[in-house]
Amino acid sequence: MRNILPILAVVFAMIIAWYAGAFMMNKKWTYDQANRAGVELTLSEVFADTMAQPRPVLPAPHQVAVNFWETTVEKKITSRRSLVFHGWITLKATLTGFILGTIIGTLLAVGIVYSRVMDMSILPWAIISQTVPIVAIAPMIVVLSNSVGIEGHLVPKTIISAYLSFFPVLVSMIKGLRSPDRMQLDLLRTWGAGKSQTFWKLRLPGSMPFFFAAVKIAIAASLVGAIVGELPMSGSGGLGARMLVGSQYGEPLLIWSALAAAALLAAVLIFIVGTIQTITLKRMGMAQ
């Protein structure tokens, strides 16, 4: 209970700030309409109107919650108006890109740790690659995928997600694989252990806390990559496409409901990774 109270306090403060922001940003439209009609409004009437506008600048939390309920529970999951339908499309690209990015990041980290040539050549380019804005790369990847005859929308989104997710895994795994100190390495050499035995018995187990810390970041980055990848392909569906449709048609509630769905999806994915982390580290004797 003590652990939940601080979280609830922060959530409560955020909701209050959100309502205050909705009032401040939506009241201009209310006053404009009142002035045109020649009507004087009380503060309570202004507040009530700002909380119920059909197309507010900033929707109130309860408006987002109602729209979220309507587009999840009250819609068939096969409907293109359902956030479950669009969330599943985004989830497929997220997981595919995350798995690919994790594999690439891990393999590159092993290569960099064991090869000075890769350390001097690959790592700098990996760092430089992250300075390029993903919003600039996403359309290029989509165009290149189409030009080489790759059909469908999953591959471009997977590439974008993998691009964002491999880097945190790469950096953390390098740190984790190099975490054993000199005394531990010398001890294994004294016992006659080779490089492969040192890797499996010492370096890899020692890197697990670093790996799972990176994976939590990577899964969230992969979700962001999938959403960004959906923006140039609004017809493909997905939460990113849903946000784009809401922006094009002036429907802020669609945008915020899709954002809420993305945040909920990210929380679930991170919770799953955290559960796997706890189970794995307990089995390895690294956590109580």
Protein backbone atom coordinates (compact mmCIF):
# COMPACT_ATOMS: atom_id res chain seq x y z
CA MET A 1 0.00 0.00 0.00
CA ARG A 2 2.84 2.39 0.81
CA ASN A 3 4.31 1.80 -2.65
CA ILE A 4 1.00 2.58 -4.36
CA LEU A 5 0.25 5.83 -2.54
CA PRO A 6 3.10 7.89 -4.10
CA ILE A 7 2.05 6.66 -7.55
CA LEU A 8 -1.58 7.57 -6.91
CA ALA A 9 -0.52 11.00 -5.64
CA VAL A 10 1.44 11.68 -8.84
CA VAL A 11 -1.45 10.46 -11.01
CA PHE A 12 -3.89 12.65 -9.08
CA ALA A 13 -1.64 15.69 -9.52
CA MET A 14 -1.32 14.99 -13.25
CA ILE A 15 -5.10 14.72 -13.65
CA ILE A 16 -5.64 18.00 -11.81
CA ALA A 17 -3.03 19.70 -14.01
CA TRP A 18 -4.67 18.17 -17.08
CA TYR A 19 -8.10 19.54 -16.14
CA ALA A 20 -6.58 22.95 -15.47
CA GLY A 21 -4.83 22.87 -18.85
CA ALA A 22 -8.05 21.86 -20.61
CA PHE A 23 -9.89 24.78 -18.99
CA MET A 24 -7.21 27.31 -19.90
CA MET A 25 -6.81 26.14 -23.50
CA ASN A 26 -10.51 25.63 -24.29
CA LYS A 27 -11.99 28.73 -22.67
CA LYS A 28 -11.08 31.02 -25.58
CA TRP A 29 -13.50 29.20 -27.88
CA THR A 30 -16.21 29.37 -25.19
CA TYR A 31 -15.79 33.11 -24.70
CA ASP A 32 -15.74 33.69 -28.46
CA GLN A 33 -19.03 31.85 -28.89
CA ALA A 34 -20.56 33.71 -25.95
CA ASN A 35 -19.48 37.10 -27.33
CA ARG A 36 -20.97 36.32 -30.72
CA ALA A 37 -24.26 35.37 -29.08
CA GLY A 38 -24.15 38.37 -26.73
CA VAL A 39 -24.35 36.14 -23.68
CA GLU A 40 -22.66 36.64 -20.33
CA LEU A 41 -21.33 33.42 -18.81
CA THR A 42 -20.43 32.68 -15.24
CA LEU A 43 -17.15 31.01 -14.42
CA SER A 44 -18.90 27.73 -13.65
CA GLU A 45 -20.68 27.83 -17.02
CA VAL A 46 -17.39 28.49 -18.79
CA PHE A 47 -15.75 25.61 -16.95
CA ALA A 48 -18.62 23.25 -17.79
CA ASP A 49 -18.43 24.18 -21.47
CA THR A 50 -14.66 23.71 -21.65
CA MET A 51 -15.10 20.20 -20.28
CA ALA A 52 -17.65 19.19 -22.91
CA GLN A 53 -16.57 20.72 -26.22
CA PRO A 54 -16.91 18.31 -29.17
CA ARG A 55 -13.57 19.36 -30.68
CA PRO A 56 -11.53 20.84 -27.84
CA VAL A 57 -7.99 22.09 -28.18
CA LEU A 58 -7.11 19.91 -25.20
CA PRO A 59 -9.68 17.23 -24.30
CA ALA A 60 -10.45 16.72 -20.63
CA PRO A 61 -9.44 13.37 -19.09
CA HIS A 62 -13.04 12.14 -18.84
CA GLN A 63 -13.61 12.91 -22.54
CA VAL A 64 -10.59 10.84 -23.49
CA ALA A 65 -11.74 8.05 -21.18
CA VAL A 66 -15.22 8.00 -22.74
CA ASN A 67 -13.84 7.97 -26.28
CA PHE A 68 -11.35 5.27 -25.33
CA TRP A 69 -14.19 3.13 -23.94
CA GLU A 70 -16.29 3.68 -27.05
CA THR A 71 -13.46 2.73 -29.41
CA THR A 72 -12.35 -0.35 -27.49
CA VAL A 73 -15.20 -2.01 -25.60
CA GLU A 74 -18.11 -0.80 -27.70
CA LYS A 75 -16.51 -1.50 -31.09
CA LYS A 76 -15.93 -4.88 -32.70
CA ILE A 77 -12.22 -5.67 -32.78
CA THR A 78 -12.47 -6.23 -36.53
CA SER A 79 -13.73 -2.69 -37.10
CA ARG A 80 -11.27 -0.11 -38.40
CA ARG A 81 -12.74 2.27 -35.82
CA SER A 82 -11.60 -0.01 -33.01
CA LEU A 83 -8.43 0.84 -31.12
CA VAL A 84 -7.99 -2.88 -30.44
CA PHE A 85 -7.77 -3.46 -34.19
CA HIS A 86 -5.21 -0.68 -34.63
CA GLY A 87 -3.35 -1.64 -31.46
CA TRP A 88 -2.84 -5.18 -32.75
CA ILE A 89 -1.33 -3.84 -35.98
CA THR A 90 1.06 -1.65 -34.01
CA LEU A 91 1.87 -4.48 -31.59
CA LYS A 92 2.91 -6.84 -34.41
CA ALA A 93 5.37 -4.30 -35.82
CA THR A 94 6.60 -3.43 -32.32
CA LEU A 95 7.38 -7.01 -31.30
CA THR A 96 8.93 -7.93 -34.65
CA GLY A 97 11.17 -4.86 -34.64
CA PHE A 98 12.01 -5.33 -30.96
CA ILE A 99 13.09 -8.95 -31.45
CA LEU A 100 15.15 -8.05 -34.51
CA GLY A 101 16.73 -5.03 -32.82
CA THR A 102 17.53 -7.02 -29.68
CA ILE A 103 19.23 -9.77 -31.68
CA ILE A 104 21.25 -7.28 -33.74
CA GLY A 105 22.23 -5.25 -30.67
CA THR A 106 23.30 -8.34 -28.73
CA LEU A 107 25.34 -9.82 -31.58
CA LEU A 108 27.07 -6.52 -32.28
CA ALA A 109 27.86 -6.11 -28.58
CA VAL A 110 29.48 -9.55 -28.44
CA GLY A 111 31.49 -8.74 -31.55
CA ILE A 112 32.62 -5.39 -30.19
CA VAL A 113 33.66 -6.86 -26.84
CA TYR A 114 35.73 -9.63 -28.45
CA SER A 115 37.05 -7.73 -31.49
CA ARG A 116 38.98 -4.49 -31.25
CA VAL A 117 38.45 -3.96 -34.99
CA MET A 118 34.68 -3.94 -34.50
CA ASP A 119 35.07 -1.79 -31.42
CA MET A 120 36.93 0.85 -33.43
CA SER A 121 34.76 0.62 -36.54
CA ILE A 122 31.19 -0.45 -35.71
CA LEU A 123 30.58 1.34 -32.41
CA PRO A 124 31.23 4.89 -33.70
CA TRP A 125 28.86 4.33 -36.62
CA ALA A 126 26.22 2.91 -34.29
CA ILE A 127 26.45 6.05 -32.17
CA ILE A 128 26.30 8.34 -35.20
CA SER A 129 23.26 6.50 -36.52
CA GLN A 130 21.23 7.64 -33.52
CA THR A 131 21.81 11.32 -34.31
CA VAL A 132 19.61 11.09 -37.43
CA PRO A 133 15.97 12.00 -36.60
CA ILE A 134 13.67 9.02 -37.01
CA VAL A 135 11.00 11.24 -38.59
CA ALA A 136 13.45 11.86 -41.44
CA ILE A 137 14.38 8.20 -41.84
CA ALA A 138 10.88 6.72 -41.72
CA PRO A 139 9.65 8.07 -45.09
CA MET A 140 12.94 7.06 -46.72
CA ILE A 141 12.61 3.49 -45.47
CA VAL A 142 9.02 3.30 -46.72
CA VAL A 143 10.02 4.58 -50.18
CA LEU A 144 13.04 2.27 -50.42
CA SER A 145 10.97 -0.73 -49.35
CA ASN A 146 8.44 -0.02 -52.06
CA SER A 147 11.15 0.55 -54.67
CA VAL A 148 12.74 -2.87 -54.08
CA GLY A 149 9.39 -4.60 -54.34
CA ILE A 150 8.69 -5.29 -50.65
CA GLU A 151 4.93 -5.54 -50.34
CA GLY A 152 3.00 -4.83 -47.20
CA HIS A 153 3.59 -2.40 -44.38
CA LEU A 154 5.06 -4.69 -41.73
CA VAL A 155 8.63 -4.75 -43.08
CA PRO A 156 9.21 -0.96 -43.16
CA LYS A 157 7.76 -0.55 -39.67
CA THR A 158 9.84 -3.46 -38.41
CA ILE A 159 13.02 -1.87 -39.76
CA ILE A 160 12.19 1.46 -38.12
CA SER A 161 11.40 -0.22 -34.79
CA ALA A 162 14.60 -2.29 -34.94
CA TYR A 163 16.59 0.86 -35.75
CA LEU A 164 15.40 2.50 -32.54
CA SER A 165 15.56 -0.57 -30.30
CA PHE A 166 18.98 -2.02 -31.16
CA PHE A 167 21.04 0.87 -29.76
CA PRO A 168 20.10 0.69 -26.05
CA VAL A 169 20.64 -3.08 -26.16
CA LEU A 170 24.01 -2.60 -27.86
CA VAL A 171 25.32 -0.06 -25.35
CA SER A 172 24.05 -1.87 -22.27
CA MET A 173 25.27 -5.28 -23.41
CA ILE A 174 28.74 -3.88 -24.08
CA LYS A 175 28.75 -2.51 -20.55
CA GLY A 176 27.37 -5.76 -19.15
CA LEU A 177 29.76 -8.06 -20.99
CA ARG A 178 32.67 -5.94 -19.79
CA SER A 179 31.39 -5.76 -16.20
CA PRO A 180 33.41 -8.74 -14.82
CA ASP A 181 36.54 -7.40 -13.17
CA ARG A 182 40.11 -8.49 -13.85
CA MET A 183 40.24 -10.77 -10.82
CA GLN A 184 37.25 -12.81 -12.00
CA LEU A 185 38.67 -13.14 -15.51
CA ASP A 186 42.07 -14.18 -14.17
CA LEU A 187 40.43 -16.77 -11.92
CA LEU A 188 38.71 -18.43 -14.87
CA ARG A 189 41.95 -18.42 -16.86
CA THR A 190 43.64 -20.09 -13.90
CA TRP A 191 41.02 -22.83 -14.10
CA GLY A 192 41.81 -23.25 -17.80
CA ALA A 193 38.61 -21.69 -19.14
CA GLY A 194 38.65 -20.56 -22.76
CA LYS A 195 36.92 -17.57 -24.30
CA SER A 196 33.69 -19.44 -24.94
CA GLN A 197 33.53 -20.80 -21.38
CA THR A 198 34.31 -17.36 -19.99
CA PHE A 199 31.51 -15.94 -22.10
CA TRP A 200 28.86 -18.46 -21.06
CA LYS A 201 29.91 -18.82 -17.42
CA LEU A 202 30.87 -15.25 -16.55
CA ARG A 203 30.30 -12.51 -19.10
CA LEU A 204 26.78 -13.44 -20.23
CA PRO A 205 25.34 -14.06 -16.72
CA GLY A 206 26.97 -10.86 -15.50
CA SER A 207 25.35 -8.90 -18.32
CA MET A 208 21.78 -9.95 -17.54
CA PRO A 209 20.89 -6.99 -15.25
CA PHE A 210 22.22 -4.63 -17.91
CA PHE A 211 20.37 -6.53 -20.63
CA PHE A 212 16.96 -6.32 -18.97
CA ALA A 213 17.43 -2.64 -18.14
CA ALA A 214 18.13 -2.04 -21.83
CA VAL A 215 15.25 -4.22 -22.98
CA LYS A 216 12.74 -2.08 -21.07
CA ILE A 217 13.99 0.96 -22.96
CA ALA A 218 14.17 -0.96 -26.25
CA ILE A 219 10.58 -2.20 -26.11
CA ALA A 220 9.31 1.34 -25.56
CA ALA A 221 11.57 2.66 -28.33
CA SER A 222 10.31 -0.08 -30.64
CA LEU A 223 6.72 1.00 -29.98
CA VAL A 224 7.64 4.59 -30.80
CA GLY A 225 9.31 3.39 -34.01
CA ALA A 226 6.23 1.43 -35.06
CA ILE A 227 3.98 4.44 -34.46
CA VAL A 228 6.31 6.78 -36.36
CA GLY A 229 6.50 4.24 -39.18
CA GLU A 230 2.72 4.26 -39.47
CA LEU A 231 2.50 8.00 -39.99
CA PRO A 232 3.59 7.95 -43.68
CA MET A 233 1.32 4.92 -44.24
CA SER A 234 -2.03 6.03 -42.85
CA GLY A 235 -3.86 3.44 -44.93
CA SER A 236 -2.02 0.59 -43.24
CA GLY A 237 -3.79 1.08 -39.92
CA GLY A 238 -2.20 1.18 -36.48
CA LEU A 239 -2.20 3.66 -33.63
CA GLY A 240 0.08 6.04 -35.56
CA ALA A 241 -2.33 6.02 -38.48
CA ARG A 242 -5.19 6.65 -36.06
CA MET A 243 -3.39 9.72 -34.70
CA LEU A 244 -2.80 10.98 -38.23
CA VAL A 245 -6.47 10.56 -39.15
CA GLY A 246 -7.49 12.48 -36.04
CA SER A 247 -5.08 15.28 -36.98
CA GLN A 248 -6.25 15.45 -40.60
CA TYR A 249 -9.95 15.57 -39.72
CA GLY A 250 -9.60 17.83 -36.70
CA GLU A 251 -10.63 15.20 -34.16
CA PRO A 252 -8.46 15.71 -31.06
CA LEU A 253 -10.29 12.96 -29.18
CA LEU A 254 -9.10 10.39 -31.75
CA ILE A 255 -5.52 11.53 -31.26
CA TRP A 256 -5.67 11.45 -27.48
CA SER A 257 -7.46 8.09 -27.37
CA ALA A 258 -4.76 6.61 -29.60
CA LEU A 259 -2.10 8.16 -27.34
CA ALA A 260 -3.79 6.60 -24.32
CA ALA A 261 -3.87 3.22 -26.08
CA ALA A 262 -0.17 3.54 -26.95
CA ALA A 263 0.69 4.43 -23.34
CA LEU A 264 -1.33 1.49 -22.04
CA LEU A 265 0.32 -0.85 -24.55
CA ALA A 266 3.78 0.38 -23.53
CA ALA A 267 2.96 -0.14 -19.84
CA VAL A 268 1.80 -3.71 -20.49
CA LEU A 269 4.91 -4.55 -22.53
CA ILE A 270 7.26 -3.10 -19.92
CA PHE A 271 5.40 -4.97 -17.17
CA ILE A 272 5.83 -8.25 -19.09
CA VAL A 273 9.54 -7.57 -19.54
CA GLY A 274 9.86 -6.74 -15.85
CA THR A 275 8.12 -9.99 -14.90
CA ILE A 276 10.47 -11.99 -17.14
CA GLN A 277 13.40 -10.12 -15.60
CA THR A 278 12.33 -11.00 -12.06
CA ILE A 279 11.83 -14.68 -12.90
CA THR A 280 15.12 -14.93 -14.82
CA LEU A 281 17.26 -13.18 -12.23
CA LYS A 282 15.72 -15.23 -9.42
CA ARG A 283 16.57 -18.44 -11.25
CA MET A 284 20.11 -17.16 -11.69
CA GLY A 285 20.35 -16.25 -8.01
CA MET A 286 20.71 -12.51 -8.73
CA ALA A 287 17.50 -11.34 -7.09
CA GLN A 288 15.56 -12.16 -3.96
